[in-house]
């Protein structure tokens, strides 16, 4: 390739680059993009808000059914023991049992949230404070991350009220002196 051929090749590259720059400048002058004040689709942080809204919608649906007190009174601890098999992968229900991924749940009804054992609870659960009431357990089992945002518990939740009531009835049996059932 002689010098004349090389100059033509280099000129073609430089001319193409110059043409692209001119087209870009003209395009920017013709089109003025506007950035919307609010994103059309929330990504990331909106997921927690969506989960809260879904939990509220579920609660609204469940309010039409029997109350928690009636469900707990009719709860079947035998069925709850079967449902607890899923929980046993991460929790122990035995008195004096050892912690697994999650804390021992023996005597959890009435026990302080984030307390009563030598388990390292999440700061979100510790900050919640109070004792585990039947209503709190029901709400937590329905949607753990919705009830206590920031909890380490990865369980998605139990949607059916009767299944939660059966599990709580079983957990109530796993206690030396369980609190009385709530009155209607």
N, C-alpha and C. Protein backbone atom coordinates (compact mmCIF):
# COMPACT_ATOMS: atom_id res chain seq x y z
N UNK A 1 0.85 -1.15 0.00
CA UNK A 1 0.00 0.00 0.00
C UNK A 1 0.91 1.23 0.00
N UNK A 2 0.68 2.11 -0.96
CA UNK A 2 1.50 3.32 -1.03
C UNK A 2 0.90 4.41 -0.14
N UNK A 3 1.60 5.53 -0.05
CA UNK A 3 1.20 6.61 0.85
C UNK A 3 -0.13 7.23 0.43
N UNK A 4 -0.41 7.27 -0.86
CA UNK A 4 -1.67 7.86 -1.33
C UNK A 4 -2.85 7.00 -0.87
N UNK A 5 -2.75 5.70 -0.94
CA UNK A 5 -3.80 4.78 -0.48
C UNK A 5 -4.00 4.92 1.03
N UNK A 6 -2.89 5.06 1.76
CA UNK A 6 -2.97 5.20 3.20
C UNK A 6 -3.69 6.49 3.58
N UNK A 7 -3.40 7.58 2.87
CA UNK A 7 -4.06 8.86 3.15
C UNK A 7 -5.56 8.78 2.88
N UNK A 8 -5.96 8.09 1.81
CA UNK A 8 -7.39 7.93 1.53
C UNK A 8 -8.07 7.15 2.65
N UNK A 9 -7.42 6.11 3.13
CA UNK A 9 -7.97 5.29 4.20
C UNK A 9 -8.11 6.11 5.49
N UNK A 10 -7.09 6.85 5.86
CA UNK A 10 -7.12 7.68 7.05
C UNK A 10 -8.14 8.80 6.90
N UNK A 11 -8.27 9.38 5.75
CA UNK A 11 -9.25 10.44 5.50
C UNK A 11 -10.68 9.91 5.63
N UNK A 12 -10.93 8.68 5.19
CA UNK A 12 -12.26 8.08 5.29
C UNK A 12 -12.63 7.88 6.77
N UNK A 13 -11.69 7.44 7.57
CA UNK A 13 -11.95 7.23 9.01
C UNK A 13 -12.23 8.57 9.68
N UNK A 14 -11.40 9.57 9.44
CA UNK A 14 -11.58 10.88 10.04
C UNK A 14 -12.89 11.53 9.56
N UNK A 15 -13.22 11.36 8.31
CA UNK A 15 -14.47 11.90 7.77
C UNK A 15 -15.68 11.25 8.42
N UNK A 16 -15.62 9.95 8.64
CA UNK A 16 -16.72 9.24 9.30
C UNK A 16 -16.90 9.72 10.74
N UNK A 17 -15.79 9.91 11.45
CA UNK A 17 -15.86 10.39 12.83
C UNK A 17 -16.45 11.80 12.86
N UNK A 18 -16.05 12.66 11.93
CA UNK A 18 -16.58 14.02 11.87
C UNK A 18 -18.07 14.01 11.55
N UNK A 19 -18.51 13.15 10.66
CA UNK A 19 -19.92 13.03 10.31
C UNK A 19 -20.74 12.58 11.52
N UNK A 20 -20.23 11.62 12.29
CA UNK A 20 -20.92 11.16 13.49
C UNK A 20 -21.06 12.29 14.51
N UNK A 21 -20.02 13.09 14.68
CA UNK A 21 -20.08 14.20 15.63
C UNK A 21 -21.12 15.24 15.20
N UNK A 22 -21.18 15.53 13.93
CA UNK A 22 -22.15 16.51 13.41
C UNK A 22 -23.57 15.98 13.60
N UNK A 23 -23.81 14.71 13.29
CA UNK A 23 -25.14 14.11 13.46
C UNK A 23 -25.53 14.14 14.94
N UNK A 24 -24.61 13.90 15.84
CA UNK A 24 -24.88 13.93 17.27
C UNK A 24 -25.26 15.34 17.73
N UNK A 25 -24.54 16.34 17.26
CA UNK A 25 -24.83 17.73 17.65
C UNK A 25 -26.20 18.15 17.11
N UNK A 26 -26.50 17.80 15.88
CA UNK A 26 -27.81 18.14 15.30
C UNK A 26 -28.93 17.40 16.05
N UNK A 27 -28.71 16.15 16.39
CA UNK A 27 -29.70 15.37 17.13
C UNK A 27 -29.97 15.97 18.51
N UNK A 28 -28.91 16.39 19.21
CA UNK A 28 -29.09 17.03 20.52
C UNK A 28 -29.85 18.34 20.40
N UNK A 29 -29.63 19.08 19.31
CA UNK A 29 -30.31 20.36 19.12
C UNK A 29 -31.81 20.14 18.82
N UNK A 30 -32.14 19.06 18.11
CA UNK A 30 -33.53 18.80 17.73
C UNK A 30 -34.35 18.15 18.84
N UNK A 31 -33.73 17.28 19.63
CA UNK A 31 -34.44 16.52 20.65
C UNK A 31 -33.97 16.98 22.02
N UNK A 32 -34.92 17.42 22.85
CA UNK A 32 -34.61 17.84 24.22
C UNK A 32 -35.25 16.85 25.17
N UNK A 33 -34.49 15.85 25.63
CA UNK A 33 -35.10 14.86 26.52
C UNK A 33 -35.42 15.49 27.88
N UNK A 34 -36.58 15.10 28.42
CA UNK A 34 -36.96 15.57 29.75
C UNK A 34 -36.95 14.37 30.69
N UNK A 35 -36.42 14.57 31.87
CA UNK A 35 -36.36 13.51 32.88
C UNK A 35 -37.60 13.64 33.74
N UNK A 36 -38.40 12.57 33.83
CA UNK A 36 -39.64 12.65 34.63
C UNK A 36 -39.32 12.82 36.11
N UNK A 37 -40.24 13.47 36.82
CA UNK A 37 -40.05 13.70 38.25
C UNK A 37 -40.15 12.38 39.03
N UNK A 38 -41.02 11.48 38.58
CA UNK A 38 -41.19 10.19 39.24
C UNK A 38 -41.04 9.09 38.21
N UNK A 39 -40.30 8.06 38.56
CA UNK A 39 -40.08 6.94 37.65
C UNK A 39 -41.40 6.22 37.38
N UNK A 40 -41.60 5.80 36.15
CA UNK A 40 -42.83 5.10 35.78
C UNK A 40 -42.90 3.74 36.45
N UNK A 41 -41.78 3.07 36.58
CA UNK A 41 -41.71 1.76 37.23
C UNK A 41 -40.65 1.85 38.32
N UNK A 42 -41.07 1.67 39.56
CA UNK A 42 -40.12 1.72 40.67
C UNK A 42 -39.36 0.41 40.73
N UNK A 43 -38.06 0.51 40.83
CA UNK A 43 -37.20 -0.67 40.91
C UNK A 43 -36.46 -0.62 42.23
N UNK A 44 -36.48 -1.75 42.95
CA UNK A 44 -35.71 -1.84 44.19
C UNK A 44 -36.51 -1.42 45.41
N UNK A 45 -36.41 -0.16 45.83
CA UNK A 45 -37.02 0.30 47.08
C UNK A 45 -38.53 0.15 47.07
N UNK A 46 -39.16 0.22 45.94
CA UNK A 46 -40.62 0.11 45.88
C UNK A 46 -41.11 -1.30 46.18
N UNK A 47 -40.23 -2.28 46.16
CA UNK A 47 -40.64 -3.65 46.42
C UNK A 47 -41.19 -3.81 47.84
N UNK A 48 -40.57 -3.13 48.81
CA UNK A 48 -41.07 -3.22 50.18
C UNK A 48 -42.44 -2.56 50.30
N UNK A 49 -42.60 -1.41 49.62
CA UNK A 49 -43.90 -0.73 49.66
C UNK A 49 -44.97 -1.60 49.01
N UNK A 50 -44.63 -2.26 47.91
CA UNK A 50 -45.59 -3.15 47.26
C UNK A 50 -45.97 -4.30 48.19
N UNK A 51 -44.98 -4.84 48.91
CA UNK A 51 -45.26 -5.94 49.84
C UNK A 51 -46.18 -5.47 50.96
N UNK A 52 -45.98 -4.23 51.44
CA UNK A 52 -46.84 -3.69 52.49
C UNK A 52 -48.27 -3.53 51.97
N UNK A 53 -48.40 -3.02 50.74
CA UNK A 53 -49.73 -2.83 50.16
C UNK A 53 -50.42 -4.18 49.97
N UNK A 54 -49.68 -5.20 49.52
CA UNK A 54 -50.26 -6.53 49.35
C UNK A 54 -50.68 -7.10 50.70
N UNK A 55 -49.87 -6.87 51.73
CA UNK A 55 -50.22 -7.36 53.07
C UNK A 55 -51.49 -6.68 53.57
N UNK A 56 -51.61 -5.38 53.33
CA UNK A 56 -52.83 -4.67 53.73
C UNK A 56 -54.04 -5.20 52.98
N UNK A 57 -53.86 -5.49 51.69
CA UNK A 57 -54.97 -6.04 50.90
C UNK A 57 -55.36 -7.42 51.43
N UNK A 58 -54.36 -8.25 51.78
CA UNK A 58 -54.65 -9.56 52.35
C UNK A 58 -55.39 -9.43 53.68
N UNK A 59 -54.92 -8.48 54.51
CA UNK A 59 -55.58 -8.26 55.79
C UNK A 59 -57.03 -7.83 55.59
N UNK A 60 -57.26 -6.99 54.59
CA UNK A 60 -58.62 -6.53 54.32
C UNK A 60 -59.50 -7.70 53.87
N UNK A 61 -58.93 -8.62 53.09
CA UNK A 61 -59.68 -9.79 52.66
C UNK A 61 -59.99 -10.69 53.86
N UNK A 62 -59.01 -10.83 54.76
CA UNK A 62 -59.17 -11.73 55.89
C UNK A 62 -60.12 -11.17 56.94
N UNK A 63 -60.30 -9.84 56.98
CA UNK A 63 -61.18 -9.24 57.97
C UNK A 63 -62.62 -9.70 57.81
N UNK A 64 -62.97 -10.17 56.63
CA UNK A 64 -64.34 -10.62 56.41
C UNK A 64 -64.59 -12.00 57.01
N UNK A 65 -63.54 -12.75 57.32
CA UNK A 65 -63.68 -14.10 57.88
C UNK A 65 -63.81 -14.04 59.40
N UNK A 66 -63.79 -15.21 60.02
CA UNK A 66 -63.89 -15.26 61.49
C UNK A 66 -62.69 -14.57 62.14
N UNK A 67 -62.89 -14.09 63.36
CA UNK A 67 -61.82 -13.40 64.07
C UNK A 67 -60.74 -14.34 64.53
N UNK A 68 -59.62 -13.77 64.93
CA UNK A 68 -58.48 -14.57 65.38
C UNK A 68 -58.82 -15.39 66.61
N UNK A 69 -59.57 -14.81 67.53
CA UNK A 69 -59.94 -15.54 68.75
C UNK A 69 -60.73 -16.80 68.42
N UNK A 70 -61.68 -16.70 67.50
CA UNK A 70 -62.48 -17.86 67.11
C UNK A 70 -61.62 -18.91 66.40
N UNK A 71 -60.73 -18.45 65.56
CA UNK A 71 -59.85 -19.39 64.85
C UNK A 71 -58.91 -20.11 65.82
N UNK A 72 -58.37 -19.37 66.79
CA UNK A 72 -57.46 -20.00 67.76
C UNK A 72 -58.22 -20.99 68.65
N UNK A 73 -59.45 -20.65 69.01
CA UNK A 73 -60.25 -21.56 69.84
C UNK A 73 -60.54 -22.85 69.09
N UNK A 74 -60.71 -22.74 67.78
CA UNK A 74 -60.99 -23.92 66.96
C UNK A 74 -59.72 -24.54 66.38
N UNK A 75 -58.55 -23.97 66.68
CA UNK A 75 -57.29 -24.45 66.12
C UNK A 75 -57.00 -25.90 66.49
N UNK A 76 -56.45 -26.63 65.55
CA UNK A 76 -56.13 -28.04 65.73
C UNK A 76 -54.61 -28.18 65.87
N UNK A 77 -54.15 -28.45 67.09
CA UNK A 77 -52.71 -28.56 67.35
C UNK A 77 -52.08 -29.72 66.58
N UNK A 78 -52.85 -30.77 66.31
CA UNK A 78 -52.32 -31.90 65.53
C UNK A 78 -51.99 -31.47 64.11
N UNK A 79 -52.89 -30.70 63.50
CA UNK A 79 -52.62 -30.18 62.16
C UNK A 79 -51.48 -29.17 62.21
N UNK A 80 -51.43 -28.42 63.32
CA UNK A 80 -50.34 -27.45 63.49
C UNK A 80 -48.99 -28.13 63.59
N UNK A 81 -48.96 -29.31 64.23
CA UNK A 81 -47.70 -30.07 64.33
C UNK A 81 -47.22 -30.50 62.95
N UNK A 82 -48.17 -30.86 62.10
CA UNK A 82 -47.79 -31.23 60.72
C UNK A 82 -47.26 -30.01 59.98
N UNK A 83 -47.91 -28.85 60.18
CA UNK A 83 -47.46 -27.62 59.53
C UNK A 83 -46.09 -27.20 60.06
N UNK A 84 -45.81 -27.51 61.32
CA UNK A 84 -44.55 -27.12 61.95
C UNK A 84 -43.36 -27.89 61.37
N UNK A 85 -43.61 -28.96 60.64
CA UNK A 85 -42.50 -29.72 60.05
C UNK A 85 -41.69 -28.85 59.11
N UNK A 86 -42.37 -27.91 58.42
CA UNK A 86 -41.65 -26.98 57.55
C UNK A 86 -40.73 -26.08 58.38
N UNK A 87 -41.21 -25.71 59.56
CA UNK A 87 -40.46 -24.80 60.43
C UNK A 87 -39.24 -25.48 61.04
N UNK A 88 -39.32 -26.80 61.21
CA UNK A 88 -38.25 -27.53 61.90
C UNK A 88 -36.94 -27.54 61.13
N UNK A 89 -36.97 -27.13 59.88
CA UNK A 89 -35.72 -27.02 59.14
C UNK A 89 -34.83 -25.93 59.73
N UNK A 90 -35.47 -24.90 60.31
CA UNK A 90 -34.73 -23.76 60.85
C UNK A 90 -34.92 -23.56 62.35
N UNK A 91 -35.97 -24.15 62.93
CA UNK A 91 -36.30 -23.92 64.34
C UNK A 91 -36.47 -25.24 65.08
N UNK A 92 -36.27 -25.18 66.39
CA UNK A 92 -36.56 -26.30 67.26
C UNK A 92 -37.73 -25.91 68.14
N UNK A 93 -38.61 -26.86 68.42
CA UNK A 93 -39.76 -26.62 69.29
C UNK A 93 -39.59 -27.32 70.64
N UNK A 94 -38.45 -27.96 70.85
CA UNK A 94 -38.21 -28.76 72.05
C UNK A 94 -37.76 -27.88 73.22
N UNK A 95 -38.22 -28.24 74.41
CA UNK A 95 -37.77 -27.54 75.62
C UNK A 95 -36.29 -27.85 75.80
N UNK A 96 -35.50 -26.80 75.91
CA UNK A 96 -34.05 -26.98 76.03
C UNK A 96 -33.39 -27.31 74.71
N UNK A 97 -34.12 -27.18 73.61
CA UNK A 97 -33.57 -27.47 72.29
C UNK A 97 -32.48 -26.47 71.91
N UNK A 98 -31.76 -26.81 70.87
CA UNK A 98 -30.66 -25.96 70.41
C UNK A 98 -31.14 -25.08 69.26
N UNK A 99 -30.55 -23.90 69.19
CA UNK A 99 -30.85 -22.98 68.10
C UNK A 99 -30.33 -23.57 66.80
N UNK A 100 -31.06 -23.31 65.75
CA UNK A 100 -30.61 -23.69 64.40
C UNK A 100 -30.37 -22.38 63.66
N UNK A 101 -30.81 -22.30 62.43
CA UNK A 101 -30.73 -21.03 61.70
C UNK A 101 -31.58 -19.99 62.41
N UNK A 102 -32.71 -20.43 62.96
CA UNK A 102 -33.61 -19.57 63.73
C UNK A 102 -33.59 -20.00 65.19
N UNK A 103 -34.23 -19.21 66.06
CA UNK A 103 -34.22 -19.52 67.49
C UNK A 103 -35.14 -20.68 67.87
N UNK A 104 -34.96 -21.19 69.06
CA UNK A 104 -35.84 -22.21 69.63
C UNK A 104 -37.21 -21.55 69.85
N UNK A 105 -38.28 -22.21 69.44
CA UNK A 105 -39.61 -21.63 69.55
C UNK A 105 -40.41 -22.18 70.73
N UNK A 106 -39.79 -22.99 71.58
CA UNK A 106 -40.49 -23.48 72.76
C UNK A 106 -40.76 -22.28 73.68
N UNK A 107 -42.00 -22.09 74.05
CA UNK A 107 -42.38 -21.00 74.94
C UNK A 107 -42.37 -19.63 74.29
N UNK A 108 -42.50 -19.57 72.98
CA UNK A 108 -42.43 -18.28 72.29
C UNK A 108 -43.64 -17.40 72.56
N UNK A 109 -44.81 -18.01 72.79
CA UNK A 109 -46.02 -17.22 73.05
C UNK A 109 -45.86 -16.50 74.38
N UNK A 110 -45.89 -15.18 74.35
CA UNK A 110 -45.72 -14.37 75.54
C UNK A 110 -44.28 -13.98 75.82
N UNK A 111 -43.33 -14.57 75.10
CA UNK A 111 -41.91 -14.24 75.28
C UNK A 111 -41.62 -12.92 74.57
N UNK A 112 -40.65 -12.18 75.06
CA UNK A 112 -40.28 -10.91 74.45
C UNK A 112 -39.74 -11.11 73.04
N UNK A 113 -40.09 -10.18 72.17
CA UNK A 113 -39.58 -10.23 70.79
C UNK A 113 -38.08 -9.94 70.83
N UNK A 114 -37.32 -10.84 70.29
CA UNK A 114 -35.88 -10.66 70.28
C UNK A 114 -35.24 -10.93 71.62
N UNK A 115 -35.90 -11.71 72.47
CA UNK A 115 -35.33 -11.95 73.79
C UNK A 115 -35.69 -13.33 74.31
N UNK A 116 -35.25 -13.59 75.51
CA UNK A 116 -35.57 -14.84 76.18
C UNK A 116 -34.66 -15.99 75.84
N UNK A 117 -33.81 -15.84 74.87
CA UNK A 117 -32.88 -16.91 74.50
C UNK A 117 -31.53 -16.27 74.18
N UNK A 118 -30.54 -17.10 73.98
CA UNK A 118 -29.21 -16.61 73.61
C UNK A 118 -29.03 -16.59 72.10
N UNK A 119 -30.07 -16.28 71.39
CA UNK A 119 -30.02 -16.24 69.93
C UNK A 119 -29.74 -14.81 69.49
N UNK A 120 -28.97 -14.63 68.42
CA UNK A 120 -28.67 -13.30 67.89
C UNK A 120 -29.76 -12.91 66.89
N UNK A 121 -30.74 -12.17 67.39
CA UNK A 121 -31.86 -11.73 66.56
C UNK A 121 -31.45 -10.55 65.69
N UNK A 122 -32.23 -10.30 64.64
CA UNK A 122 -31.99 -9.14 63.78
C UNK A 122 -32.30 -7.87 64.56
N UNK A 123 -31.65 -6.79 64.18
CA UNK A 123 -31.90 -5.52 64.86
C UNK A 123 -33.34 -5.06 64.65
N UNK A 124 -33.94 -5.40 63.52
CA UNK A 124 -35.33 -5.02 63.26
C UNK A 124 -36.26 -5.67 64.28
N UNK A 125 -36.03 -6.94 64.58
CA UNK A 125 -36.85 -7.65 65.56
C UNK A 125 -36.59 -7.11 66.97
N UNK A 126 -35.35 -6.81 67.27
CA UNK A 126 -35.01 -6.26 68.58
C UNK A 126 -35.66 -4.89 68.77
N UNK A 127 -35.67 -4.09 67.72
CA UNK A 127 -36.25 -2.75 67.79
C UNK A 127 -37.77 -2.78 67.92
N UNK A 128 -38.40 -3.84 67.45
CA UNK A 128 -39.86 -3.95 67.51
C UNK A 128 -40.33 -3.93 68.97
N UNK A 129 -39.65 -4.65 69.82
CA UNK A 129 -39.98 -4.66 71.24
C UNK A 129 -41.31 -5.31 71.53
N UNK A 130 -41.63 -5.43 72.80
CA UNK A 130 -42.88 -6.06 73.21
C UNK A 130 -42.76 -7.56 73.29
N UNK A 131 -43.87 -8.19 73.63
CA UNK A 131 -43.91 -9.65 73.74
C UNK A 131 -44.75 -10.22 72.60
N UNK A 132 -44.48 -11.47 72.27
CA UNK A 132 -45.22 -12.14 71.20
C UNK A 132 -46.64 -12.44 71.68
N UNK A 133 -47.59 -11.70 71.17
CA UNK A 133 -49.00 -11.99 71.43
C UNK A 133 -49.50 -12.91 70.33
N UNK A 134 -50.70 -13.43 70.51
CA UNK A 134 -51.27 -14.29 69.47
C UNK A 134 -51.49 -13.49 68.18
N UNK A 135 -51.92 -12.25 68.31
CA UNK A 135 -52.14 -11.42 67.12
C UNK A 135 -50.81 -11.13 66.42
N UNK A 136 -49.75 -10.86 67.19
CA UNK A 136 -48.44 -10.62 66.59
C UNK A 136 -47.93 -11.86 65.86
N UNK A 137 -48.07 -13.02 66.50
CA UNK A 137 -47.64 -14.26 65.84
C UNK A 137 -48.41 -14.50 64.55
N UNK A 138 -49.71 -14.24 64.60
CA UNK A 138 -50.54 -14.42 63.40
C UNK A 138 -50.07 -13.50 62.28
N UNK A 139 -49.84 -12.24 62.60
CA UNK A 139 -49.40 -11.28 61.59
C UNK A 139 -48.00 -11.63 61.07
N UNK A 140 -47.12 -12.06 61.96
CA UNK A 140 -45.76 -12.40 61.56
C UNK A 140 -45.75 -13.64 60.67
N UNK A 141 -46.55 -14.64 61.05
CA UNK A 141 -46.60 -15.87 60.25
C UNK A 141 -47.25 -15.63 58.90
N UNK A 142 -48.14 -14.65 58.81
CA UNK A 142 -48.78 -14.33 57.53
C UNK A 142 -47.79 -13.68 56.57
N UNK A 143 -46.95 -12.78 57.08
CA UNK A 143 -46.01 -12.06 56.23
C UNK A 143 -44.87 -11.53 57.10
N UNK A 144 -43.82 -12.33 57.32
CA UNK A 144 -42.75 -11.91 58.23
C UNK A 144 -42.11 -10.58 57.85
N UNK A 145 -41.78 -10.40 56.59
CA UNK A 145 -41.11 -9.16 56.17
C UNK A 145 -42.07 -7.98 56.15
N UNK A 146 -43.36 -8.22 56.00
CA UNK A 146 -44.34 -7.15 56.06
C UNK A 146 -44.59 -6.70 57.49
N UNK A 147 -44.58 -7.64 58.43
CA UNK A 147 -44.83 -7.31 59.84
C UNK A 147 -43.60 -6.67 60.48
N UNK A 148 -42.42 -7.20 60.19
CA UNK A 148 -41.18 -6.65 60.71
C UNK A 148 -40.21 -6.48 59.54
N UNK A 149 -40.27 -5.33 58.84
CA UNK A 149 -39.35 -5.10 57.73
C UNK A 149 -37.90 -5.15 58.23
N UNK A 150 -37.08 -5.89 57.54
CA UNK A 150 -35.68 -6.02 57.92
C UNK A 150 -35.38 -7.28 58.71
N UNK A 151 -36.40 -8.12 58.94
CA UNK A 151 -36.16 -9.37 59.65
C UNK A 151 -35.29 -10.29 58.81
N UNK A 152 -34.53 -11.15 59.49
CA UNK A 152 -33.66 -12.10 58.78
C UNK A 152 -34.44 -13.31 58.29
N UNK A 153 -35.65 -13.49 58.79
CA UNK A 153 -36.43 -14.68 58.44
C UNK A 153 -36.79 -14.64 56.96
N UNK A 154 -36.36 -15.65 56.23
CA UNK A 154 -36.56 -15.69 54.79
C UNK A 154 -37.86 -16.37 54.39
N UNK A 155 -38.63 -16.85 55.36
CA UNK A 155 -39.88 -17.55 55.08
C UNK A 155 -40.89 -16.59 54.48
N UNK A 156 -41.59 -17.03 53.45
CA UNK A 156 -42.53 -16.16 52.73
C UNK A 156 -43.81 -15.89 53.51
N UNK A 157 -44.24 -16.83 54.31
CA UNK A 157 -45.45 -16.63 55.10
C UNK A 157 -46.49 -17.69 54.81
N UNK A 158 -47.49 -17.77 55.70
CA UNK A 158 -48.60 -18.71 55.55
C UNK A 158 -49.85 -17.89 55.26
N UNK A 159 -50.45 -18.09 54.12
CA UNK A 159 -51.56 -17.24 53.69
C UNK A 159 -52.89 -17.62 54.33
N UNK A 160 -53.15 -18.89 54.55
CA UNK A 160 -54.45 -19.32 55.07
C UNK A 160 -54.54 -19.10 56.58
N UNK A 161 -55.59 -18.41 57.01
CA UNK A 161 -55.80 -18.12 58.42
C UNK A 161 -55.89 -19.39 59.26
N UNK A 162 -56.59 -20.38 58.76
CA UNK A 162 -56.78 -21.61 59.53
C UNK A 162 -55.44 -22.34 59.73
N UNK A 163 -54.58 -22.32 58.72
CA UNK A 163 -53.26 -22.95 58.86
C UNK A 163 -52.43 -22.23 59.92
N UNK A 164 -52.51 -20.90 59.93
CA UNK A 164 -51.77 -20.14 60.95
C UNK A 164 -52.33 -20.41 62.34
N UNK A 165 -53.65 -20.48 62.44
CA UNK A 165 -54.28 -20.75 63.74
C UNK A 165 -53.88 -22.14 64.26
N UNK A 166 -53.82 -23.13 63.37
CA UNK A 166 -53.39 -24.47 63.78
C UNK A 166 -51.94 -24.46 64.25
N UNK A 167 -51.08 -23.74 63.54
CA UNK A 167 -49.67 -23.66 63.92
C UNK A 167 -49.53 -22.95 65.27
N UNK A 168 -50.27 -21.88 65.49
CA UNK A 168 -50.20 -21.16 66.76
C UNK A 168 -50.73 -22.05 67.89
N UNK A 169 -51.78 -22.85 67.61
CA UNK A 169 -52.30 -23.78 68.62
C UNK A 169 -51.21 -24.79 68.99
N UNK A 170 -50.46 -25.27 68.02
CA UNK A 170 -49.35 -26.19 68.31
C UNK A 170 -48.26 -25.47 69.13
N UNK A 171 -47.94 -24.24 68.74
CA UNK A 171 -46.91 -23.48 69.45
C UNK A 171 -47.35 -23.19 70.89
N UNK A 172 -48.65 -23.02 71.08
CA UNK A 172 -49.20 -22.78 72.42
C UNK A 172 -48.98 -24.01 73.31
N UNK A 173 -49.07 -25.20 72.71
CA UNK A 173 -48.82 -26.44 73.46
C UNK A 173 -47.35 -26.57 73.85
N UNK A 174 -46.48 -25.97 73.06
CA UNK A 174 -45.04 -26.04 73.31
C UNK A 174 -44.66 -24.93 74.29
N UNK A 175 -45.23 -24.98 75.47
CA UNK A 175 -45.07 -23.90 76.45
C UNK A 175 -45.36 -24.47 77.84
N UNK A 176 -44.62 -24.03 78.84
CA UNK A 176 -44.88 -24.50 80.21
C UNK A 176 -46.21 -23.95 80.74
N UNK A 177 -46.45 -22.67 80.53
CA UNK A 177 -47.69 -22.05 80.97
C UNK A 177 -48.11 -20.99 79.94
N UNK A 178 -48.79 -21.45 78.87
CA UNK A 178 -49.13 -20.50 77.79
C UNK A 178 -50.13 -19.45 78.25
N UNK A 179 -50.04 -18.25 77.68
CA UNK A 179 -51.04 -17.22 77.98
C UNK A 179 -52.42 -17.66 77.53
N UNK A 180 -53.43 -17.11 78.17
CA UNK A 180 -54.81 -17.44 77.81
C UNK A 180 -55.10 -16.98 76.38
N UNK A 181 -55.99 -17.70 75.74
CA UNK A 181 -56.41 -17.31 74.39
C UNK A 181 -57.14 -15.97 74.45
N UNK A 182 -57.02 -15.18 73.39
CA UNK A 182 -57.73 -13.89 73.41
C UNK A 182 -59.24 -14.08 73.40
N UNK A 183 -59.94 -13.17 74.05
CA UNK A 183 -61.40 -13.20 74.06
C UNK A 183 -61.91 -12.52 72.80
N UNK A 184 -63.05 -12.94 72.34
CA UNK A 184 -63.60 -12.33 71.13
C UNK A 184 -64.03 -10.97 71.47
